[in-house]
Amino acid sequence: MRYPAEGMGAPKDRHPAPVTDVGLPAGTEVFSADNHISLAEDIFYEQFPAGMKDRAPRVVNVDGGWVVAADTTPILVKEFIQVLTQYDPVPGSHTGDVDARLAALDSEGVDRELAFPNSVLAVFGWPDREVRELCFRLYNQHIADVQERSGNRIYGVGLINWWDPEGTERTLTELKALGLTTFLMPLNPGKDTDKRPIDYSSTAMDAVWDVIEASGVPVSHHIGESPPATPNEFNPVAIGMLQSVAPFRDCFGKYVLGGILDRHPGLRIGWFEGGINWVPSAIQDAQHIRASFDHIADVRMEHDPQHYWDEHMVASFMVDPLGLELIDRVGVDRAMWSTDFPHNESTYGYSTESLASVVDAVGVEAAVPIVGGNIRRFLGLDA
């Protein structure tokens, strides 16, 4: 597809075109694998126990964007708040109006969605772990209620304790009981209680992965955590986004080269909003690196890197013509289309055109799982 010379403009200024036939078989469910929903209610302060309210993050509106604040001071950088103000005014962008959300999906020809949080992710780094976990549990309850009120058209992505196995089991058990089908694990897990960086592939994390594996709930990773490595005087948001859309190699390496999947072969991993074109190059490089360094490895891989992708992983995209050209290398059953509503980089306003480009690139038969079936399978909805 071609982009207009003036760009797409802010989502709040876009107007969806009428939904048209893109060539999919009648009855095909279009399920966006990666959308976003902002938290628009001050649930943490309102629902924290009385003795903890002074420790609760607040949810406030700044210039039209819903942000997390310490007291009344937003903890997000101004550039992120600027981006929020481009899409949070879109009807249906937040949890405060489920009917408007469903109308927005209808306007784009989308039947269901997987909805990731927005600024709530700032709580990932909240230093008080007790507060952090309680925020996650309250958010899970809230987004599960949104999911139920939507008639299971909006599938919410939950949040769990990843820093100690007891907390992992506690939050995962509750998450499953709420009806949530996946959770977001940070690409950067932060530091342990001794201020040492957490290594996902270390033996210290094995008990956490044991709990996740036993739960059967798939793991989701998403772009957006990596700030630019150097300062940017001009267009910091755009430059930061270019870095942000290719963040997965470090974590991918831990699963594949670090032995996580050999020790925990029941895990299922989803990579969201980074496209699919990165997959063949990451696998190719992992194969070359394995061959070059296996003789000095302290943990030997049990399989070729391609095996780990084929058996454990999926990835989502919005507009990725290069990735679709490489679909035979990625796998028709490993790619998931999404709109990314309502983000700036979303297809909001031209989702029908985006869907048509998938059908044109891979054909009708391959398009059906890509536009809906694969995310259903990942979430376990067809079990």
Protein backbone atom coordinates (compact mmCIF):
# COMPACT_ATOMS: atom_id res chain seq x y z
CA MET A 1 0.00 0.00 0.00
CA ARG A 2 1.07 3.61 -0.51
CA TYR A 3 1.15 6.31 2.14
CA PRO A 4 -0.21 9.78 1.33
CA ALA A 5 2.48 12.45 0.97
CA GLU A 6 1.11 14.35 3.97
CA GLY A 7 1.07 11.24 6.15
CA MET A 8 -1.90 9.71 7.91
CA GLY A 9 -2.41 12.46 10.47
CA ALA A 10 -3.34 12.06 14.11
CA PRO A 11 -5.81 9.26 14.86
CA LYS A 12 -8.13 11.80 16.50
CA ASP A 13 -8.45 13.48 13.09
CA ARG A 14 -8.94 10.33 11.00
CA HIS A 15 -12.28 9.14 9.67
CA PRO A 16 -12.72 5.45 8.79
CA ALA A 17 -13.83 4.74 5.25
CA PRO A 18 -16.85 2.46 4.72
CA VAL A 19 -16.07 -1.22 5.31
CA THR A 20 -15.82 -3.02 1.98
CA ASP A 21 -15.37 -6.60 0.81
CA VAL A 22 -11.66 -7.47 0.78
CA GLY A 23 -12.08 -10.95 -0.64
CA LEU A 24 -12.21 -12.98 2.57
CA PRO A 25 -14.69 -15.88 2.67
CA ALA A 26 -18.09 -15.15 4.15
CA GLY A 27 -18.10 -15.67 7.90
CA THR A 28 -14.36 -15.05 8.36
CA GLU A 29 -13.80 -13.57 11.82
CA VAL A 30 -11.40 -10.62 11.71
CA PHE A 31 -9.56 -10.60 15.05
CA SER A 32 -7.01 -7.83 15.56
CA ALA A 33 -4.09 -9.38 17.45
CA ASP A 34 -2.75 -6.10 18.85
CA ASN A 35 -4.87 -3.14 19.89
CA HIS A 36 -4.57 -0.80 22.86
CA ILE A 37 -6.90 0.57 25.46
CA SER A 38 -6.18 3.36 27.94
CA LEU A 39 -7.22 3.17 31.57
CA ALA A 40 -9.53 6.13 32.18
CA GLU A 41 -10.58 5.46 35.77
CA ASP A 42 -8.62 6.16 38.95
CA ILE A 43 -9.00 2.53 40.06
CA PHE A 44 -5.81 2.21 42.09
CA TYR A 45 -6.51 5.09 44.46
CA GLU A 46 -10.21 4.24 44.62
CA GLN A 47 -9.69 0.54 45.40
CA PHE A 48 -6.50 0.46 47.47
CA PRO A 49 -7.07 -0.32 51.18
CA ALA A 50 -7.43 2.80 53.29
CA GLY A 51 -3.99 2.29 54.84
CA MET A 52 -2.32 2.17 51.41
CA LYS A 53 -4.07 4.98 49.54
CA ASP A 54 -1.17 7.36 50.07
CA ARG A 55 1.04 4.86 48.17
CA ALA A 56 -1.32 4.39 45.23
CA PRO A 57 -0.51 5.64 41.72
CA ARG A 58 -3.17 7.97 40.33
CA VAL A 59 -4.79 7.95 36.89
CA VAL A 60 -5.19 11.49 35.58
CA ASN A 61 -5.97 13.19 32.29
CA VAL A 62 -3.33 15.52 30.85
CA ASP A 63 -4.27 17.45 27.70
CA GLY A 64 -6.64 14.69 26.64
CA GLY A 65 -4.31 11.76 27.40
CA TRP A 66 -4.80 9.31 30.27
CA VAL A 67 -1.59 8.94 32.28
CA VAL A 68 -0.31 7.38 35.49
CA ALA A 69 0.89 9.82 38.12
CA ALA A 70 2.66 9.81 41.46
CA ASP A 71 0.24 11.95 43.45
CA THR A 72 -0.59 14.46 40.67
CA THR A 73 2.75 14.40 38.83
CA PRO A 74 2.75 12.25 35.66
CA ILE A 75 5.58 9.71 35.67
CA LEU A 76 5.69 9.48 31.87
CA VAL A 77 8.09 11.56 29.79
CA LYS A 78 6.53 14.51 27.96
CA GLU A 79 7.11 12.91 24.55
CA PHE A 80 4.97 9.90 25.53
CA ILE A 81 2.23 12.18 26.86
CA GLN A 82 2.33 14.08 23.57
CA VAL A 83 1.69 10.83 21.70
CA LEU A 84 -1.16 9.87 24.06
CA THR A 85 -2.90 13.15 23.28
CA GLN A 86 -2.96 12.19 19.58
CA TYR A 87 -5.15 9.13 20.11
CA ASP A 88 -6.78 9.13 23.54
CA PRO A 89 -9.46 11.62 22.32
CA VAL A 90 -10.60 9.03 19.73
CA PRO A 91 -14.02 7.67 20.75
CA GLY A 92 -13.56 4.22 22.24
CA SER A 93 -9.86 4.64 22.99
CA HIS A 94 -10.28 4.03 26.73
CA THR A 95 -12.02 1.78 29.22
CA GLY A 96 -14.58 4.44 30.14
CA ASP A 97 -16.92 3.76 27.19
CA VAL A 98 -17.22 0.15 26.06
CA ASP A 99 -20.05 0.92 23.62
CA ALA A 100 -17.91 3.51 21.83
CA ARG A 101 -15.09 0.97 21.71
CA LEU A 102 -17.28 -1.62 20.01
CA ALA A 103 -18.53 1.01 17.56
CA ALA A 104 -14.91 1.82 16.69
CA LEU A 105 -14.23 -1.86 15.99
CA ASP A 106 -17.35 -2.05 13.82
CA SER A 107 -16.27 1.00 11.85
CA GLU A 108 -13.09 -0.82 10.84
CA GLY A 109 -14.67 -4.19 10.12
CA VAL A 110 -13.04 -5.83 13.15
CA ASP A 111 -14.98 -8.49 15.05
CA ARG A 112 -12.68 -8.99 18.05
CA GLU A 113 -9.46 -7.61 19.44
CA LEU A 114 -6.67 -8.30 21.90
CA ALA A 115 -6.27 -5.08 23.88
CA PHE A 116 -2.95 -4.18 25.49
CA PRO A 117 -2.69 -1.41 28.11
CA ASN A 118 -1.15 1.99 27.43
CA SER A 119 0.28 4.21 30.17
CA VAL A 120 -0.42 1.61 32.89
CA LEU A 121 2.84 0.04 31.73
CA ALA A 122 4.62 2.82 33.62
CA VAL A 123 3.82 0.81 36.76
CA PHE A 124 6.24 -1.91 35.53
CA GLY A 125 9.03 0.04 37.18
CA TRP A 126 7.17 1.07 40.35
CA PRO A 127 9.76 0.59 43.11
CA ASP A 128 7.31 -0.61 45.76
CA ARG A 129 6.68 -4.23 44.72
CA GLU A 130 3.66 -4.63 46.99
CA VAL A 131 2.02 -1.63 45.33
CA ARG A 132 3.05 -2.83 41.88
CA GLU A 133 1.44 -6.25 42.30
CA LEU A 134 -1.73 -4.79 43.78
CA CYS A 135 -2.00 -2.43 40.78
CA PHE A 136 -1.66 -5.40 38.45
CA ARG A 137 -4.37 -7.35 40.25
CA LEU A 138 -6.76 -4.40 40.23
CA TYR A 139 -6.07 -3.75 36.56
CA ASN A 140 -6.75 -7.40 35.75
CA GLN A 141 -10.09 -7.21 37.51
CA HIS A 142 -10.95 -4.02 35.67
CA ILE A 143 -9.99 -5.21 32.17
CA ALA A 144 -11.73 -8.55 32.79
CA ASP A 145 -14.91 -6.60 33.54
CA VAL A 146 -14.44 -4.67 30.26
CA GLN A 147 -13.96 -7.99 28.47
CA GLU A 148 -17.18 -9.38 29.95
CA ARG A 149 -19.20 -6.22 29.21
CA SER A 150 -18.01 -6.32 25.61
CA GLY A 151 -19.43 -9.82 25.14
CA ASN A 152 -15.87 -11.12 24.71
CA ARG A 153 -15.18 -8.89 21.74
CA ILE A 154 -12.47 -7.07 23.69
CA TYR A 155 -9.96 -9.56 25.09
CA GLY A 156 -7.87 -7.84 27.75
CA VAL A 157 -4.17 -8.47 28.26
CA GLY A 158 -3.40 -8.99 31.94
CA LEU A 159 -0.37 -8.21 34.11
CA ILE A 160 1.43 -10.54 36.52
CA ASN A 161 4.14 -10.61 39.16
CA TRP A 162 7.26 -11.87 37.34
CA TRP A 163 9.83 -11.26 40.07
CA ASP A 164 9.06 -14.08 42.52
CA PRO A 165 7.49 -17.49 41.90
CA GLU A 166 4.94 -17.26 44.72
CA GLY A 167 3.70 -13.95 43.35
CA THR A 168 3.72 -15.36 39.82
CA GLU A 169 1.48 -18.23 40.89
CA ARG A 170 -0.78 -15.93 42.91
CA THR A 171 -1.35 -13.44 40.09
CA LEU A 172 -1.56 -16.05 37.31
CA THR A 173 -4.13 -18.12 39.20
CA GLU A 174 -6.28 -15.05 39.71
CA LEU A 175 -5.78 -13.92 36.10
CA LYS A 176 -7.02 -17.26 34.75
CA ALA A 177 -10.01 -17.23 37.10
CA LEU A 178 -10.97 -13.81 35.72
CA GLY A 179 -11.10 -15.22 32.20
CA LEU A 180 -8.05 -13.41 30.84
CA THR A 181 -6.15 -15.39 28.22
CA THR A 182 -2.64 -13.89 28.16
CA PHE A 183 -0.42 -11.49 30.06
CA LEU A 184 2.28 -8.97 29.23
CA MET A 185 5.85 -9.69 30.34
CA PRO A 186 8.25 -6.75 30.11
CA LEU A 187 11.17 -7.04 27.72
CA ASN A 188 13.27 -5.49 30.47
CA PRO A 189 12.38 -7.21 33.76
CA GLY A 190 14.23 -4.67 35.92
CA LYS A 191 16.21 -5.53 39.06
CA ASP A 192 15.81 -7.98 41.91
CA THR A 193 15.59 -7.05 45.59
CA ASP A 194 19.39 -6.87 45.73
CA LYS A 195 19.40 -4.30 42.87
CA ARG A 196 20.90 -6.79 40.41
CA PRO A 197 19.48 -6.86 36.87
CA ILE A 198 17.13 -9.80 36.38
CA ASP A 199 18.23 -12.30 33.74
CA TYR A 200 15.23 -14.16 32.31
CA SER A 201 17.40 -17.10 31.26
CA SER A 202 19.14 -17.48 34.63
CA THR A 203 18.57 -20.41 36.98
CA ALA A 204 17.16 -17.87 39.46
CA MET A 205 14.17 -17.41 37.13
CA ASP A 206 13.49 -21.10 36.52
CA ALA A 207 10.86 -21.30 39.26
CA VAL A 208 8.96 -18.39 37.69
CA TRP A 209 9.04 -20.07 34.27
CA ASP A 210 7.91 -23.32 35.92
CA VAL A 211 4.76 -21.58 37.16
CA ILE A 212 4.07 -19.91 33.81
CA GLU A 213 4.60 -23.17 31.94
CA ALA A 214 2.31 -25.09 34.29
CA SER A 215 -0.42 -22.45 33.89
CA GLY A 216 -0.66 -22.99 30.14
CA VAL A 217 -1.20 -19.25 29.66
CA PRO A 218 0.80 -17.82 26.71
CA VAL A 219 3.37 -15.08 27.30
CA SER A 220 3.06 -11.78 25.39
CA HIS A 221 5.90 -9.34 24.74
CA HIS A 222 5.31 -5.92 23.21
CA ILE A 223 7.36 -3.07 21.82
CA GLY A 224 7.60 0.29 23.56
CA GLU A 225 9.93 -0.10 26.53
CA SER A 226 13.23 0.93 24.95
CA PRO A 227 14.05 4.66 25.00
CA PRO A 228 16.54 6.04 22.46
CA ALA A 229 20.13 5.23 23.36
CA THR A 230 21.32 8.78 22.61
CA PRO A 231 19.71 12.26 22.72
CA ASN A 232 17.62 13.53 19.80
CA GLU A 233 17.15 17.25 19.30
CA PHE A 234 14.81 16.74 16.35
CA ASN A 235 11.88 14.33 15.98
CA PRO A 236 12.64 12.38 19.17
CA VAL A 237 9.31 10.53 18.98
CA ALA A 238 9.89 9.32 15.42
CA ILE A 239 13.51 8.33 16.05
CA GLY A 240 12.55 6.60 19.27
CA MET A 241 9.77 4.74 17.48
CA LEU A 242 12.15 3.49 14.79
CA GLN A 243 14.23 1.91 17.55
CA SER A 244 11.17 0.73 19.43
CA VAL A 245 9.76 -1.35 16.56
CA ALA A 246 12.79 -3.67 16.58
CA PRO A 247 13.35 -4.51 20.24
CA PHE A 248 12.95 -8.28 20.44
CA ARG A 249 16.40 -9.75 19.75
CA ASP A 250 17.72 -9.65 23.31
CA CYS A 251 14.68 -11.46 24.73
CA PHE A 252 14.44 -13.79 21.71
CA GLY A 253 18.06 -14.77 22.35
CA LYS A 254 17.33 -15.67 25.96
CA TYR A 255 14.51 -18.01 24.96
CA VAL A 256 16.52 -19.65 22.16
CA LEU A 257 20.25 -19.36 22.97
CA GLY A 258 19.81 -18.97 26.73
CA GLY A 259 17.97 -22.25 27.10
CA ILE A 260 14.61 -21.07 28.47
CA LEU A 261 12.64 -23.10 25.93
CA ASP A 262 14.80 -26.18 26.37
CA ARG A 263 14.11 -26.14 30.11
CA HIS A 264 10.46 -25.10 29.70
CA PRO A 265 9.21 -26.63 26.44
CA GLY A 266 5.58 -25.96 27.25
CA LEU A 267 5.92 -22.18 26.92
CA ARG A 268 4.19 -20.26 24.13
CA ILE A 269 5.49 -16.80 23.23
CA GLY A 270 3.88 -13.94 21.30
CA TRP A 271 5.77 -10.91 19.95
CA PHE A 272 3.50 -7.92 19.34
CA GLU A 273 3.74 -4.78 17.19
CA GLY A 274 7.29 -5.38 15.98
CA GLY A 275 6.13 -6.73 12.62
CA ILE A 276 7.14 -10.09 11.15
CA ASN A 277 9.99 -9.09 8.85
CA TRP A 278 12.51 -9.36 11.73
CA VAL A 279 11.82 -13.05 12.22
CA PRO A 280 13.76 -14.64 9.31
CA SER A 281 16.83 -12.49 9.97
CA ALA A 282 16.81 -13.24 13.71
CA ILE A 283 16.54 -16.98 13.06
CA GLN A 284 19.24 -16.85 10.39
CA ASP A 285 21.62 -14.95 12.67
CA ALA A 286 20.88 -17.29 15.59
CA GLN A 287 21.74 -20.26 13.39
CA HIS A 288 25.05 -18.71 12.33
CA ILE A 289 25.91 -17.65 15.89
CA ARG A 290 25.09 -21.10 17.24
CA ALA A 291 27.36 -22.73 14.68
CA SER A 292 30.15 -20.25 15.40
CA PHE A 293 30.07 -20.31 19.20
CA ASP A 294 28.59 -23.68 20.18
CA HIS A 295 32.04 -25.08 20.92
CA ILE A 296 32.44 -22.65 23.84
CA ALA A 297 28.80 -22.67 25.00
CA ASP A 298 28.10 -23.43 28.67
CA VAL A 299 24.52 -24.41 27.76
CA ARG A 300 24.01 -26.40 24.58
CA MET A 301 20.86 -25.84 22.52
CA GLU A 302 18.81 -28.99 21.95
CA HIS A 303 17.39 -27.86 18.60
CA ASP A 304 18.04 -25.63 15.62
CA PRO A 305 16.80 -22.03 16.22
CA GLN A 306 14.11 -22.51 13.58
CA HIS A 307 12.54 -25.20 15.78
CA TYR A 308 11.94 -22.77 18.65
CA TRP A 309 10.16 -20.34 16.37
CA ASP A 310 8.05 -22.99 14.67
CA GLU A 311 7.01 -24.72 17.88
CA HIS A 312 6.65 -21.87 20.36
CA MET A 313 6.29 -18.41 18.81
CA VAL A 314 4.01 -16.06 16.87
CA ALA A 315 4.27 -12.37 15.93
CA SER A 316 1.87 -9.59 14.93
CA PHE A 317 2.06 -6.87 12.29
CA MET A 318 -0.06 -4.02 10.93
CA VAL A 319 1.51 -3.06 7.61
CA ASP A 320 4.45 -5.28 6.68
CA PRO A 321 4.74 -5.93 2.94
CA LEU A 322 8.33 -7.16 3.36
CA GLY A 323 7.27 -9.60 6.05
CA LEU A 324 4.45 -10.90 3.85
CA GLU A 325 6.94 -11.44 1.03
CA LEU A 326 8.81 -13.69 3.48
CA ILE A 327 5.70 -15.48 4.75
CA ASP A 328 7.06 -18.89 3.75
CA ARG A 329 10.02 -18.26 6.08
CA VAL A 330 7.83 -16.86 8.88
CA GLY A 331 5.03 -19.42 8.53
CA VAL A 332 1.40 -18.78 7.63
CA ASP A 333 0.41 -20.12 11.06
CA ARG A 334 2.87 -17.82 12.89
CA ALA A 335 1.78 -14.36 11.62
CA MET A 336 -1.11 -12.31 13.06
CA TRP A 337 -2.65 -9.20 11.52
CA SER A 338 -3.66 -6.27 13.74
CA THR A 339 -4.91 -2.69 13.52
CA ASP A 340 -3.05 -1.39 16.62
CA PHE A 341 -6.09 0.82 17.31
CA PRO A 342 -5.92 3.67 18.25
CA HIS A 343 -2.17 4.38 18.06
CA ASN A 344 -0.53 6.78 15.61
CA GLU A 345 1.04 3.83 13.78
CA SER A 346 -2.29 2.02 13.72
CA THR A 347 -4.30 1.31 10.58
CA TYR A 348 -7.24 3.24 12.06
CA GLY A 349 -8.86 4.97 9.12
CA TYR A 350 -7.54 2.50 6.53
CA SER A 351 -7.92 -0.96 8.08
CA THR A 352 -9.93 -2.28 5.14
CA GLU A 353 -7.08 -1.32 2.82
CA SER A 354 -4.61 -3.03 5.16
CA LEU A 355 -6.70 -6.22 5.20
CA ALA A 356 -6.95 -6.18 1.42
CA SER A 357 -3.18 -5.92 1.16
CA VAL A 358 -2.83 -9.13 3.20
CA VAL A 359 -5.23 -11.00 0.91
CA ASP A 360 -3.42 -9.65 -2.17
CA ALA A 361 0.00 -10.64 -0.80
CA VAL A 362 -0.66 -14.19 0.42
CA GLY A 363 -3.96 -15.25 -1.12
CA VAL A 364 -7.31 -15.95 0.48
CA GLU A 365 -6.50 -19.34 2.00
CA ALA A 366 -3.42 -18.08 3.86
CA ALA A 367 -5.07 -14.78 4.80
CA VAL A 368 -7.86 -16.44 6.81
CA PRO A 369 -5.60 -17.67 9.66
CA ILE A 370 -3.46 -14.53 9.52
CA VAL A 371 -6.41 -12.15 10.02
CA GLY A 372 -7.99 -14.09 12.86
CA GLY A 373 -7.36 -17.78 13.27
CA ASN A 374 -3.80 -17.59 14.53
CA ILE A 375 -4.54 -15.19 17.41
CA ARG A 376 -7.50 -17.37 18.44
CA ARG A 377 -5.19 -20.37 18.53
CA PHE A 378 -2.53 -18.46 20.48
CA LEU A 379 -5.08 -17.42 23.10
CA GLY A 380 -6.49 -20.93 23.32
CA LEU A 381 -9.99 -19.88 22.27
CA ASP A 382 -10.48 -22.86 19.97
CA ALA A 383 -9.56 -25.43 22.62
